Amino acid sequence: MQALMGRGSASWALDLDGSTGKLVWNSVAGSVTSANIYNDGAWHQVAGVYDGANNYLFVDGSLAGSSVATGAIAGNTNDIYLGGDPDFTTVGVNERYFAGAIAQAAFFTNALPLAQIQATYQAAVAPPLPSLGILGRSGNQLQLNWNYGTLQSATNVFGPYQDITNASSPSTTLTTNT
């Protein structure tokens, strides 16, 4: 096992099974293992959730597995380890360190619903961007050319966004005096 994040075998752990490439969420109240293989070299978002009655394993914003689980997750004095498991740290004997890269880790004290897990996944994943446009200058005029979607504007990065009149693809050019 390679621990992605955990608090120990008496509490909870999110692991990658190095021999199968499958992800395992263990809340001590039970465990769930993904059907798919995820040691593929690609970036994946992984979330383990225990809601007091079920374990859920989410990968890339989708449910990858679930199981009935009962009982309480025992508290302990272990720290939360990122890329390891506090119960498996003896080098060369029983280590469970993750042989990969981890970014944007989070720990929540409540069970996140699917919609919130999907929102965190969407926020972390940028869609592939086509060639959006070219910004150029012609004399004292600034020109923006693009071939993708409708240009929008907002006074705040979080919106609300408004479509710009007559600014939709394909091959629209906007010109303004500078």
C-alpha atoms as a PDB file:
ATOM      1  CA  MET A   1       0.000   0.000   0.000  1.00  0.00           C
ATOM      2  CA  GLN A   2       1.069   3.552  -0.738  1.00  0.00           C
ATOM      3  CA  ALA A   3      -0.664   6.041   1.552  1.00  0.00           C
ATOM      4  CA  LEU A   4      -1.959   9.188  -0.118  1.00  0.00           C
ATOM      5  CA  MET A   5      -3.249  10.601   3.146  1.00  0.00           C
ATOM      6  CA  GLY A   6      -4.100   9.074   6.483  1.00  0.00           C
ATOM      7  CA  ARG A   7      -4.313   9.189  10.212  1.00  0.00           C
ATOM      8  CA  GLY A   8      -3.411   5.574  10.924  1.00  0.00           C
ATOM      9  CA  SER A   9      -4.833   2.088  10.844  1.00  0.00           C
ATOM     10  CA  ALA A  10      -7.041   2.802  13.879  1.00  0.00           C
ATOM     11  CA  SER A  11      -8.603   5.828  12.192  1.00  0.00           C
ATOM     12  CA  TRP A  12      -8.706   6.324   8.402  1.00  0.00           C
ATOM     13  CA  ALA A  13      -6.506   6.114   5.311  1.00  0.00           C
ATOM     14  CA  LEU A  14      -6.689   6.816   1.594  1.00  0.00           C
ATOM     15  CA  ASP A  15      -4.269   4.496  -0.223  1.00  0.00           C
ATOM     16  CA  LEU A  16      -3.088   3.358  -3.621  1.00  0.00           C
ATOM     17  CA  ASP A  17      -2.582  -0.399  -3.797  1.00  0.00           C
ATOM     18  CA  GLY A  18       0.770  -0.516  -5.579  1.00  0.00           C
ATOM     19  CA  SER A  19       0.282  -4.113  -6.737  1.00  0.00           C
ATOM     20  CA  THR A  20      -3.105  -3.517  -8.411  1.00  0.00           C
ATOM     21  CA  GLY A  21      -3.122   0.250  -9.136  1.00  0.00           C
ATOM     22  CA  LYS A  22      -6.505   0.560  -7.410  1.00  0.00           C
ATOM     23  CA  LEU A  23      -7.450   3.169  -4.833  1.00  0.00           C
ATOM     24  CA  VAL A  24      -8.633   2.133  -1.371  1.00  0.00           C
ATOM     25  CA  TRP A  25     -10.595   4.248   1.140  1.00  0.00           C
ATOM     26  CA  ASN A  26     -10.591   2.766   4.643  1.00  0.00           C
ATOM     27  CA  SER A  27     -12.504   4.453   7.447  1.00  0.00           C
ATOM     28  CA  VAL A  28     -11.964   1.600   9.920  1.00  0.00           C
ATOM     29  CA  ALA A  29     -15.760   1.254   9.870  1.00  0.00           C
ATOM     30  CA  GLY A  30     -15.202  -0.453   6.504  1.00  0.00           C
ATOM     31  CA  SER A  31     -13.382  -0.008   3.246  1.00  0.00           C
ATOM     32  CA  VAL A  32     -14.060   0.416  -0.446  1.00  0.00           C
ATOM     33  CA  THR A  33     -11.734  -0.250  -3.396  1.00  0.00           C
ATOM     34  CA  SER A  34     -11.980   1.257  -6.868  1.00  0.00           C
ATOM     35  CA  ALA A  35     -12.745  -1.031  -9.785  1.00  0.00           C
ATOM     36  CA  ASN A  36     -10.452   0.951 -12.108  1.00  0.00           C
ATOM     37  CA  ILE A  37      -6.677   1.279 -12.083  1.00  0.00           C
ATOM     38  CA  TYR A  38      -5.332   4.765 -11.318  1.00  0.00           C
ATOM     39  CA  ASN A  39      -1.524   4.440 -11.258  1.00  0.00           C
ATOM     40  CA  ASP A  40      -1.539   5.555 -14.896  1.00  0.00           C
ATOM     41  CA  GLY A  41       0.696   8.627 -14.624  1.00  0.00           C
ATOM     42  CA  ALA A  42      -2.269  10.990 -15.024  1.00  0.00           C
ATOM     43  CA  TRP A  43      -3.492  13.530 -12.462  1.00  0.00           C
ATOM     44  CA  HIS A  44      -6.539  12.364 -10.461  1.00  0.00           C
ATOM     45  CA  GLN A  45      -8.647  13.908  -7.736  1.00  0.00           C
ATOM     46  CA  VAL A  46      -9.464  11.370  -5.009  1.00  0.00           C
ATOM     47  CA  ALA A  47     -11.910  11.757  -2.121  1.00  0.00           C
ATOM     48  CA  GLY A  48     -12.819   9.284   0.604  1.00  0.00           C
ATOM     49  CA  VAL A  49     -16.053   9.982   2.491  1.00  0.00           C
ATOM     50  CA  TYR A  50     -17.594   8.255   5.501  1.00  0.00           C
ATOM     51  CA  ASP A  51     -21.053   9.548   6.463  1.00  0.00           C
ATOM     52  CA  GLY A  52     -21.684   7.307   9.484  1.00  0.00           C
ATOM     53  CA  ALA A  53     -23.476   4.645   7.436  1.00  0.00           C
ATOM     54  CA  ASN A  54     -21.536   4.288   4.177  1.00  0.00           C
ATOM     55  CA  ASN A  55     -18.059   4.662   2.729  1.00  0.00           C
ATOM     56  CA  TYR A  56     -17.750   6.426  -0.620  1.00  0.00           C
ATOM     57  CA  LEU A  57     -14.710   6.644  -2.869  1.00  0.00           C
ATOM     58  CA  PHE A  58     -14.789   9.389  -5.495  1.00  0.00           C
ATOM     59  CA  VAL A  59     -12.269   9.725  -8.308  1.00  0.00           C
ATOM     60  CA  ASP A  60     -12.218  12.680 -10.698  1.00  0.00           C
ATOM     61  CA  GLY A  61     -15.595  13.913  -9.449  1.00  0.00           C
ATOM     62  CA  SER A  62     -17.416  10.578  -9.941  1.00  0.00           C
ATOM     63  CA  LEU A  63     -18.363   7.790  -7.572  1.00  0.00           C
ATOM     64  CA  ALA A  64     -15.784   5.010  -7.978  1.00  0.00           C
ATOM     65  CA  GLY A  65     -17.212   2.732  -5.294  1.00  0.00           C
ATOM     66  CA  SER A  66     -19.249   2.550  -2.120  1.00  0.00           C
ATOM     67  CA  SER A  67     -19.926   0.129   0.697  1.00  0.00           C
ATOM     68  CA  VAL A  68     -22.011  -0.081   3.830  1.00  0.00           C
ATOM     69  CA  ALA A  69     -19.959   0.831   6.886  1.00  0.00           C
ATOM     70  CA  THR A  70     -20.945   1.064  10.508  1.00  0.00           C
ATOM     71  CA  GLY A  71     -19.342   2.367  13.624  1.00  0.00           C
ATOM     72  CA  ALA A  72     -17.388   5.421  14.548  1.00  0.00           C
ATOM     73  CA  ILE A  73     -13.968   6.401  13.343  1.00  0.00           C
ATOM     74  CA  ALA A  74     -11.812   6.186  16.409  1.00  0.00           C
ATOM     75  CA  GLY A  75      -9.954   9.255  17.459  1.00  0.00           C
ATOM     76  CA  ASN A  76      -6.249   8.920  18.071  1.00  0.00           C
ATOM     77  CA  THR A  77      -3.248  11.084  18.743  1.00  0.00           C
ATOM     78  CA  ASN A  78      -1.669  10.546  15.312  1.00  0.00           C
ATOM     79  CA  ASP A  79      -1.101  13.497  13.054  1.00  0.00           C
ATOM     80  CA  ILE A  80      -2.607  13.438   9.579  1.00  0.00           C
ATOM     81  CA  TYR A  81       0.093  12.365   7.156  1.00  0.00           C
ATOM     82  CA  LEU A  82       0.144  13.512   3.558  1.00  0.00           C
ATOM     83  CA  GLY A  83       1.923  10.944   1.377  1.00  0.00           C
ATOM     84  CA  GLY A  84       2.274   8.497   4.250  1.00  0.00           C
ATOM     85  CA  ASP A  85       0.601   6.661   7.105  1.00  0.00           C
ATOM     86  CA  PRO A  86       1.701   7.385  10.688  1.00  0.00           C
ATOM     87  CA  ASP A  87       1.464   3.691  11.615  1.00  0.00           C
ATOM     88  CA  PHE A  88       3.798   2.623   8.800  1.00  0.00           C
ATOM     89  CA  THR A  89       6.968   4.724   8.950  1.00  0.00           C
ATOM     90  CA  THR A  90       9.787   2.311   9.772  1.00  0.00           C
ATOM     91  CA  VAL A  91      12.029   2.647   6.732  1.00  0.00           C
ATOM     92  CA  GLY A  92      12.697  -0.674   5.015  1.00  0.00           C
ATOM     93  CA  VAL A  93      10.307  -2.546   7.307  1.00  0.00           C
ATOM     94  CA  ASN A  94       6.722  -1.329   7.151  1.00  0.00           C
ATOM     95  CA  GLU A  95       6.669   1.962   5.272  1.00  0.00           C
ATOM     96  CA  ARG A  96       3.644   3.132   3.286  1.00  0.00           C
ATOM     97  CA  TYR A  97       4.919   6.220   1.533  1.00  0.00           C
ATOM     98  CA  PHE A  98       3.312   7.391  -1.707  1.00  0.00           C
ATOM     99  CA  ALA A  99       5.585   7.099  -4.743  1.00  0.00           C
ATOM    100  CA  GLY A 100       4.062  10.008  -6.642  1.00  0.00           C
ATOM    101  CA  ALA A 101       3.148  13.667  -6.396  1.00  0.00           C
ATOM    102  CA  ILE A 102       0.329  15.163  -4.330  1.00  0.00           C
ATOM    103  CA  ALA A 103      -1.133  18.642  -4.730  1.00  0.00           C
ATOM    104  CA  GLN A 104      -4.050  20.567  -3.248  1.00  0.00           C
ATOM    105  CA  ALA A 105      -4.783  18.218  -0.343  1.00  0.00           C
ATOM    106  CA  ALA A 106      -7.701  18.971   1.973  1.00  0.00           C
ATOM    107  CA  PHE A 107      -9.239  17.404   5.058  1.00  0.00           C
ATOM    108  CA  PHE A 108     -12.864  18.084   5.997  1.00  0.00           C
ATOM    109  CA  THR A 109     -14.510  17.231   9.307  1.00  0.00           C
ATOM    110  CA  ASN A 110     -17.876  16.655   7.636  1.00  0.00           C
ATOM    111  CA  ALA A 111     -18.972  14.259   4.891  1.00  0.00           C
ATOM    112  CA  LEU A 112     -18.992  16.197   1.612  1.00  0.00           C
ATOM    113  CA  PRO A 113     -21.932  15.540  -0.728  1.00  0.00           C
ATOM    114  CA  LEU A 114     -21.311  14.519  -4.351  1.00  0.00           C
ATOM    115  CA  ALA A 115     -22.144  18.014  -5.649  1.00  0.00           C
ATOM    116  CA  GLN A 116     -19.433  19.589  -3.489  1.00  0.00           C
ATOM    117  CA  ILE A 117     -16.861  16.968  -4.504  1.00  0.00           C
ATOM    118  CA  GLN A 118     -17.718  17.582  -8.156  1.00  0.00           C
ATOM    119  CA  ALA A 119     -17.367  21.344  -7.624  1.00  0.00           C
ATOM    120  CA  THR A 120     -13.887  20.943  -6.115  1.00  0.00           C
ATOM    121  CA  TYR A 121     -12.907  18.690  -9.021  1.00  0.00           C
ATOM    122  CA  GLN A 122     -14.195  21.157 -11.620  1.00  0.00           C
ATOM    123  CA  ALA A 123     -12.401  24.019  -9.867  1.00  0.00           C
ATOM    124  CA  ALA A 124      -9.105  22.112 -10.014  1.00  0.00           C
ATOM    125  CA  VAL A 125      -9.351  20.955 -13.615  1.00  0.00           C
ATOM    126  CA  ALA A 126      -8.902  23.452 -16.407  1.00  0.00           C
ATOM    127  CA  PRO A 127     -10.447  22.334 -19.683  1.00  0.00           C
ATOM    128  CA  PRO A 128      -8.076  22.093 -22.612  1.00  0.00           C
ATOM    129  CA  LEU A 129      -7.936  25.484 -24.223  1.00  0.00           C
ATOM    130  CA  PRO A 130      -8.100  25.871 -27.972  1.00  0.00           C
ATOM    131  CA  SER A 131      -6.343  28.776 -29.585  1.00  0.00           C
ATOM    132  CA  LEU A 132      -8.575  31.456 -28.092  1.00  0.00           C
ATOM    133  CA  GLY A 133      -7.412  34.442 -29.982  1.00  0.00           C
ATOM    134  CA  ILE A 134      -4.821  36.948 -30.960  1.00  0.00           C
ATOM    135  CA  LEU A 135      -4.427  40.398 -29.490  1.00  0.00           C
ATOM    136  CA  GLY A 136      -2.855  42.859 -31.885  1.00  0.00           C
ATOM    137  CA  ARG A 137      -2.488  46.516 -32.725  1.00  0.00           C
ATOM    138  CA  SER A 138      -3.217  48.382 -35.914  1.00  0.00           C
ATOM    139  CA  GLY A 139      -2.199  52.032 -35.668  1.00  0.00           C
ATOM    140  CA  ASN A 140      -4.007  53.438 -32.650  1.00  0.00           C
ATOM    141  CA  GLN A 141      -6.515  50.558 -32.603  1.00  0.00           C
ATOM    142  CA  LEU A 142      -6.383  47.398 -30.468  1.00  0.00           C
ATOM    143  CA  GLN A 143      -7.795  44.297 -32.183  1.00  0.00           C
ATOM    144  CA  LEU A 144      -8.849  40.998 -30.635  1.00  0.00           C
ATOM    145  CA  ASN A 145      -9.491  38.065 -32.963  1.00  0.00           C
ATOM    146  CA  TRP A 146     -10.733  34.652 -31.791  1.00  0.00           C
ATOM    147  CA  ASN A 147     -12.427  31.524 -33.047  1.00  0.00           C
ATOM    148  CA  TYR A 148     -14.000  30.100 -29.910  1.00  0.00           C
ATOM    149  CA  GLY A 149     -17.358  30.747 -28.246  1.00  0.00           C
ATOM    150  CA  THR A 150     -18.810  34.085 -27.238  1.00  0.00           C
ATOM    151  CA  LEU A 151     -16.703  36.759 -25.627  1.00  0.00           C
ATOM    152  CA  GLN A 152     -17.982  37.788 -22.196  1.00  0.00           C
ATOM    153  CA  SER A 153     -17.119  40.499 -19.712  1.00  0.00           C
ATOM    154  CA  ALA A 154     -17.560  41.159 -16.020  1.00  0.00           C
ATOM    155  CA  THR A 155     -16.413  43.731 -13.502  1.00  0.00           C
ATOM    156  CA  ASN A 156     -15.477  40.935 -11.065  1.00  0.00           C
ATOM    157  CA  VAL A 157     -13.574  37.726 -11.842  1.00  0.00           C
ATOM    158  CA  PHE A 158     -16.374  35.742 -10.117  1.00  0.00           C
ATOM    159  CA  GLY A 159     -19.061  37.259 -12.348  1.00  0.00           C
ATOM    160  CA  PRO A 160     -21.750  37.786 -13.210  1.00  0.00           C
ATOM    161  CA  TYR A 161     -20.640  37.542 -16.838  1.00  0.00           C
ATOM    162  CA  GLN A 162     -22.418  39.224 -19.737  1.00  0.00           C
ATOM    163  CA  ASP A 163     -22.127  38.370 -23.439  1.00  0.00           C
ATOM    164  CA  ILE A 164     -20.557  41.142 -25.505  1.00  0.00           C
ATOM    165  CA  THR A 165     -22.870  42.098 -28.340  1.00  0.00           C
ATOM    166  CA  ASN A 166     -21.706  40.910 -31.793  1.00  0.00           C
ATOM    167  CA  ALA A 167     -18.768  39.022 -30.294  1.00  0.00           C
ATOM    168  CA  SER A 168     -19.273  35.350 -30.989  1.00  0.00           C
ATOM    169  CA  SER A 169     -17.246  32.919 -33.065  1.00  0.00           C
ATOM    170  CA  PRO A 170     -16.251  32.107 -35.677  1.00  0.00           C
ATOM    171  CA  SER A 171     -13.577  34.676 -36.521  1.00  0.00           C
ATOM    172  CA  THR A 172     -14.889  37.764 -34.783  1.00  0.00           C
ATOM    173  CA  THR A 173     -12.731  40.880 -34.601  1.00  0.00           C
ATOM    174  CA  LEU A 174     -13.288  43.608 -32.039  1.00  0.00           C
ATOM    175  CA  THR A 175     -11.547  46.932 -32.521  1.00  0.00           C
ATOM    176  CA  THR A 176     -11.171  49.782 -30.071  1.00  0.00           C
ATOM    177  CA  ASN A 177      -9.202  53.002 -30.090  1.00  0.00           C
ATOM    178  CA  THR A 178      -6.218  53.100 -27.741  1.00  0.00           C
END
